[in-house]
Amino acid sequence: MKWDEIGEQPCSIARALSIIGDRWTLLVLRNAFMGMRRFDDFQQQLGVTRHVLADRLKRLVDQQILEKKPYIERQQRFEYCLTEKGLELYPVLMSMVTWADKWMDDGTGKPMQLMHKQCGQIFTAITVCSECKEPLNARQVKPIFRHHPFQLDAVQPIDQTQQA
């Protein structure tokens, strides 16, 4: 399968990866969630080439994740704002932050802390069941596919005593 066909799979992860599955796109989204809006700001902060950045921004606009809005009329300068669809990606990025903070710590601690504006507390993002509100991990979930050639059980714990 070719990379440009990945979004045609009957798989939600593959479909999402077809839009946000490269490093520059995720870093653009990270910066957009931190309030960055303008092309030159993205380009300067990320150090990405103008061509690559223009391509990623166009793709995010085409997918209605970002909206392109003029901010200087005479020179046709634009800013890129998260749409409702784009804002829905926030839990994805927060899950990546939680994972990296746990597994990629360089010994200096978390590079950033998150504060919940409503309660004022520093927090770690977690995934919870929409029905019972209990925290979830892969061992507590069973995927049920509608159009998939196989069924999987949730990840089983690795037995540390087994030899490879």
C-alpha atoms as a PDB file:
ATOM      1  CA  MET A   1       0.000   0.000   0.000  1.00  0.00           C
ATOM      2  CA  LYS A   2       1.209   3.488  -0.839  1.00  0.00           C
ATOM      3  CA  TRP A   3       1.244   6.226   1.781  1.00  0.00           C
ATOM      4  CA  ASP A   4      -1.208   8.360  -0.211  1.00  0.00           C
ATOM      5  CA  GLU A   5      -3.723   5.472  -0.042  1.00  0.00           C
ATOM      6  CA  ILE A   6      -3.565   5.041   3.735  1.00  0.00           C
ATOM      7  CA  GLY A   7      -6.673   7.164   4.316  1.00  0.00           C
ATOM      8  CA  GLU A   8      -8.754   4.740   2.261  1.00  0.00           C
ATOM      9  CA  GLN A   9      -8.377   1.928   4.800  1.00  0.00           C
ATOM     10  CA  PRO A  10     -11.349   1.006   7.000  1.00  0.00           C
ATOM     11  CA  CYS A  11      -9.298   2.096  10.020  1.00  0.00           C
ATOM     12  CA  SER A  12      -9.759   5.308  12.000  1.00  0.00           C
ATOM     13  CA  ILE A  13      -6.066   5.533  12.897  1.00  0.00           C
ATOM     14  CA  ALA A  14      -4.997   5.149   9.261  1.00  0.00           C
ATOM     15  CA  ARG A  15      -7.513   7.793   8.210  1.00  0.00           C
ATOM     16  CA  ALA A  16      -6.238  10.225  10.846  1.00  0.00           C
ATOM     17  CA  LEU A  17      -2.620   9.523   9.886  1.00  0.00           C
ATOM     18  CA  SER A  18      -3.405  10.402   6.283  1.00  0.00           C
ATOM     19  CA  ILE A  19      -4.032  13.965   7.492  1.00  0.00           C
ATOM     20  CA  ILE A  20      -1.887  14.511  10.598  1.00  0.00           C
ATOM     21  CA  GLY A  21       0.646  11.686  10.366  1.00  0.00           C
ATOM     22  CA  ASP A  22       3.861  13.580   9.772  1.00  0.00           C
ATOM     23  CA  ARG A  23       6.118  15.480  12.141  1.00  0.00           C
ATOM     24  CA  TRP A  24       5.675  18.935  10.614  1.00  0.00           C
ATOM     25  CA  THR A  25       1.893  18.738  10.708  1.00  0.00           C
ATOM     26  CA  LEU A  26       1.887  17.725  14.362  1.00  0.00           C
ATOM     27  CA  LEU A  27       4.326  20.510  15.238  1.00  0.00           C
ATOM     28  CA  VAL A  28       2.191  23.052  13.352  1.00  0.00           C
ATOM     29  CA  LEU A  29      -0.813  21.841  15.360  1.00  0.00           C
ATOM     30  CA  ARG A  30       1.160  22.034  18.613  1.00  0.00           C
ATOM     31  CA  ASN A  31       2.055  25.649  17.877  1.00  0.00           C
ATOM     32  CA  ALA A  32      -1.500  26.485  16.785  1.00  0.00           C
ATOM     33  CA  PHE A  33      -2.793  25.171  20.124  1.00  0.00           C
ATOM     34  CA  MET A  34      -0.278  27.455  21.855  1.00  0.00           C
ATOM     35  CA  GLY A  35      -1.703  30.451  19.997  1.00  0.00           C
ATOM     36  CA  MET A  36       0.542  30.756  16.946  1.00  0.00           C
ATOM     37  CA  ARG A  37      -1.338  31.937  13.848  1.00  0.00           C
ATOM     38  CA  ARG A  38       0.988  33.474  11.255  1.00  0.00           C
ATOM     39  CA  PHE A  39       3.052  31.762   8.563  1.00  0.00           C
ATOM     40  CA  ASP A  40       6.284  33.602   9.387  1.00  0.00           C
ATOM     41  CA  ASP A  41       5.934  32.742  13.077  1.00  0.00           C
ATOM     42  CA  PHE A  42       5.443  29.034  12.302  1.00  0.00           C
ATOM     43  CA  GLN A  43       8.358  29.076   9.880  1.00  0.00           C
ATOM     44  CA  GLN A  44      10.737  30.868  12.225  1.00  0.00           C
ATOM     45  CA  GLN A  45       9.887  28.826  15.320  1.00  0.00           C
ATOM     46  CA  LEU A  46       9.861  25.420  13.592  1.00  0.00           C
ATOM     47  CA  GLY A  47      12.779  25.999  11.213  1.00  0.00           C
ATOM     48  CA  VAL A  48      10.836  24.228   8.457  1.00  0.00           C
ATOM     49  CA  THR A  49      11.262  25.272   4.821  1.00  0.00           C
ATOM     50  CA  ARG A  50       8.653  27.665   3.468  1.00  0.00           C
ATOM     51  CA  HIS A  51       7.619  25.104   0.831  1.00  0.00           C
ATOM     52  CA  VAL A  52       7.012  22.312   3.372  1.00  0.00           C
ATOM     53  CA  LEU A  53       5.168  24.660   5.725  1.00  0.00           C
ATOM     54  CA  ALA A  54       2.957  25.995   2.923  1.00  0.00           C
ATOM     55  CA  ASP A  55       2.111  22.411   1.943  1.00  0.00           C
ATOM     56  CA  ARG A  56       1.205  21.389   5.514  1.00  0.00           C
ATOM     57  CA  LEU A  57      -0.878  24.516   6.119  1.00  0.00           C
ATOM     58  CA  LYS A  58      -2.710  24.012   2.814  1.00  0.00           C
ATOM     59  CA  ARG A  59      -3.466  20.402   3.724  1.00  0.00           C
ATOM     60  CA  LEU A  60      -4.791  21.428   7.153  1.00  0.00           C
ATOM     61  CA  VAL A  61      -6.941  24.149   5.559  1.00  0.00           C
ATOM     62  CA  ASP A  62      -8.200  21.730   2.872  1.00  0.00           C
ATOM     63  CA  GLN A  63      -9.168  19.273   5.625  1.00  0.00           C
ATOM     64  CA  GLN A  64     -10.920  22.074   7.577  1.00  0.00           C
ATOM     65  CA  ILE A  65      -8.608  21.668  10.567  1.00  0.00           C
ATOM     66  CA  LEU A  66      -7.311  25.209  10.165  1.00  0.00           C
ATOM     67  CA  GLU A  67      -9.099  28.205   8.679  1.00  0.00           C
ATOM     68  CA  LYS A  68      -7.136  30.731   6.628  1.00  0.00           C
ATOM     69  CA  LYS A  69      -8.169  34.300   7.515  1.00  0.00           C
ATOM     70  CA  PRO A  70      -6.750  37.570   6.163  1.00  0.00           C
ATOM     71  CA  TYR A  71      -5.204  39.858   8.757  1.00  0.00           C
ATOM     72  CA  ILE A  72      -3.683  42.466   6.415  1.00  0.00           C
ATOM     73  CA  GLU A  73      -5.959  43.360   3.524  1.00  0.00           C
ATOM     74  CA  ARG A  74      -3.550  45.255   1.244  1.00  0.00           C
ATOM     75  CA  GLN A  75      -0.777  42.660   1.148  1.00  0.00           C
ATOM     76  CA  GLN A  76      -3.037  39.602   1.412  1.00  0.00           C
ATOM     77  CA  ARG A  77      -1.420  38.260   4.572  1.00  0.00           C
ATOM     78  CA  PHE A  78      -3.167  35.417   6.344  1.00  0.00           C
ATOM     79  CA  GLU A  79      -3.335  33.787   9.728  1.00  0.00           C
ATOM     80  CA  TYR A  80      -4.301  30.188  10.403  1.00  0.00           C
ATOM     81  CA  CYS A  81      -6.866  29.528  13.125  1.00  0.00           C
ATOM     82  CA  LEU A  82      -8.005  26.204  14.523  1.00  0.00           C
ATOM     83  CA  THR A  83     -11.526  25.224  13.504  1.00  0.00           C
ATOM     84  CA  GLU A  84     -13.930  23.163  15.596  1.00  0.00           C
ATOM     85  CA  LYS A  85     -12.593  20.088  13.796  1.00  0.00           C
ATOM     86  CA  GLY A  86      -9.042  21.173  14.602  1.00  0.00           C
ATOM     87  CA  LEU A  87      -9.834  21.823  18.253  1.00  0.00           C
ATOM     88  CA  GLU A  88     -11.070  18.222  18.501  1.00  0.00           C
ATOM     89  CA  LEU A  89      -7.446  17.103  17.974  1.00  0.00           C
ATOM     90  CA  TYR A  90      -6.434  18.513  21.364  1.00  0.00           C
ATOM     91  CA  PRO A  91      -6.850  15.197  23.235  1.00  0.00           C
ATOM     92  CA  VAL A  92      -4.590  13.522  20.649  1.00  0.00           C
ATOM     93  CA  LEU A  93      -1.773  15.963  21.336  1.00  0.00           C
ATOM     94  CA  MET A  94      -2.353  15.773  25.094  1.00  0.00           C
ATOM     95  CA  SER A  95      -2.042  11.978  24.945  1.00  0.00           C
ATOM     96  CA  MET A  96       1.275  12.400  23.139  1.00  0.00           C
ATOM     97  CA  VAL A  97       2.455  14.819  25.838  1.00  0.00           C
ATOM     98  CA  THR A  98       1.511  12.386  28.613  1.00  0.00           C
ATOM     99  CA  TRP A  99       3.275   9.496  26.852  1.00  0.00           C
ATOM    100  CA  ALA A 100       6.448  11.498  26.122  1.00  0.00           C
ATOM    101  CA  ASP A 101       6.598  12.885  29.663  1.00  0.00           C
ATOM    102  CA  LYS A 102       6.532   9.334  31.006  1.00  0.00           C
ATOM    103  CA  TRP A 103       8.732   7.500  28.508  1.00  0.00           C
ATOM    104  CA  MET A 104      11.098  10.121  27.068  1.00  0.00           C
ATOM    105  CA  ASP A 105      12.154  12.003  30.202  1.00  0.00           C
ATOM    106  CA  ASP A 106      15.714  13.277  29.843  1.00  0.00           C
ATOM    107  CA  GLY A 107      16.132  13.608  33.592  1.00  0.00           C
ATOM    108  CA  THR A 108      15.267  17.308  33.761  1.00  0.00           C
ATOM    109  CA  GLY A 109      11.534  16.817  34.279  1.00  0.00           C
ATOM    110  CA  LYS A 110       8.581  17.751  32.138  1.00  0.00           C
ATOM    111  CA  PRO A 111       9.361  20.496  29.606  1.00  0.00           C
ATOM    112  CA  MET A 112       5.902  21.957  30.165  1.00  0.00           C
ATOM    113  CA  GLN A 113       3.158  21.669  32.761  1.00  0.00           C
ATOM    114  CA  LEU A 114      -0.540  21.984  32.043  1.00  0.00           C
ATOM    115  CA  MET A 115      -2.900  23.947  34.267  1.00  0.00           C
ATOM    116  CA  HIS A 116      -6.668  23.484  34.153  1.00  0.00           C
ATOM    117  CA  LYS A 117      -8.024  27.049  33.959  1.00  0.00           C
ATOM    118  CA  GLN A 118     -11.279  26.114  35.688  1.00  0.00           C
ATOM    119  CA  CYS A 119      -9.796  24.652  38.878  1.00  0.00           C
ATOM    120  CA  GLY A 120      -6.279  26.099  38.718  1.00  0.00           C
ATOM    121  CA  GLN A 121      -4.599  22.706  39.207  1.00  0.00           C
ATOM    122  CA  ILE A 122      -1.608  21.264  37.346  1.00  0.00           C
ATOM    123  CA  PHE A 123      -2.764  18.033  35.682  1.00  0.00           C
ATOM    124  CA  THR A 124      -1.805  15.074  33.517  1.00  0.00           C
ATOM    125  CA  ALA A 125      -4.211  14.265  30.698  1.00  0.00           C
ATOM    126  CA  ILE A 126      -5.910  10.864  30.888  1.00  0.00           C
ATOM    127  CA  THR A 127      -8.378   9.008  28.685  1.00  0.00           C
ATOM    128  CA  VAL A 128     -11.647   8.024  30.345  1.00  0.00           C
ATOM    129  CA  CYS A 129     -14.654   5.972  29.291  1.00  0.00           C
ATOM    130  CA  SER A 130     -17.393   8.261  27.985  1.00  0.00           C
ATOM    131  CA  GLU A 131     -20.008   6.129  29.766  1.00  0.00           C
ATOM    132  CA  CYS A 132     -18.639   5.313  33.234  1.00  0.00           C
ATOM    133  CA  LYS A 133     -15.844   7.944  33.428  1.00  0.00           C
ATOM    134  CA  GLU A 134     -13.241   5.361  34.542  1.00  0.00           C
ATOM    135  CA  PRO A 135      -9.654   5.842  33.269  1.00  0.00           C
ATOM    136  CA  LEU A 136      -8.803   3.609  30.306  1.00  0.00           C
ATOM    137  CA  ASN A 137      -5.738   1.773  29.080  1.00  0.00           C
ATOM    138  CA  ALA A 138      -5.273  -0.704  26.225  1.00  0.00           C
ATOM    139  CA  ARG A 139      -5.842  -3.734  28.462  1.00  0.00           C
ATOM    140  CA  GLN A 140      -9.367  -2.547  29.321  1.00  0.00           C
ATOM    141  CA  VAL A 141     -10.632  -2.068  25.764  1.00  0.00           C
ATOM    142  CA  LYS A 142     -11.877  -4.538  23.164  1.00  0.00           C
ATOM    143  CA  PRO A 143     -11.980  -3.233  19.586  1.00  0.00           C
ATOM    144  CA  ILE A 144     -15.129  -4.242  17.691  1.00  0.00           C
ATOM    145  CA  PHE A 145     -14.675  -3.716  13.957  1.00  0.00           C
ATOM    146  CA  ARG A 146     -17.581  -3.261  11.553  1.00  0.00           C
ATOM    147  CA  HIS A 147     -15.667  -3.849   8.312  1.00  0.00           C
ATOM    148  CA  HIS A 148     -12.385  -5.444   9.211  1.00  0.00           C
ATOM    149  CA  PRO A 149     -11.085  -8.904   8.314  1.00  0.00           C
ATOM    150  CA  PHE A 150     -10.054  -9.770  11.861  1.00  0.00           C
ATOM    151  CA  GLN A 151     -10.988  -9.146  15.466  1.00  0.00           C
ATOM    152  CA  LEU A 152      -8.468  -8.375  18.182  1.00  0.00           C
ATOM    153  CA  ASP A 153      -8.612  -8.557  21.932  1.00  0.00           C
ATOM    154  CA  ALA A 154      -7.106  -5.731  23.922  1.00  0.00           C
ATOM    155  CA  VAL A 155      -3.371  -5.815  24.459  1.00  0.00           C
ATOM    156  CA  GLN A 156      -2.355  -8.514  26.889  1.00  0.00           C
ATOM    157  CA  PRO A 157       0.283  -7.814  29.537  1.00  0.00           C
ATOM    158  CA  ILE A 158       3.731  -9.030  28.585  1.00  0.00           C
ATOM    159  CA  ASP A 159       4.897 -11.854  30.799  1.00  0.00           C
ATOM    160  CA  GLN A 160       8.369 -10.738  31.893  1.00  0.00           C
ATOM    161  CA  THR A 161       9.363 -14.356  32.558  1.00  0.00           C
ATOM    162  CA  GLN A 162       8.896 -15.444  28.940  1.00  0.00           C
ATOM    163  CA  GLN A 163      12.006 -15.629  26.800  1.00  0.00           C
ATOM    164  CA  ALA A 164      11.897 -14.181  23.292  1.00  0.00           C
END
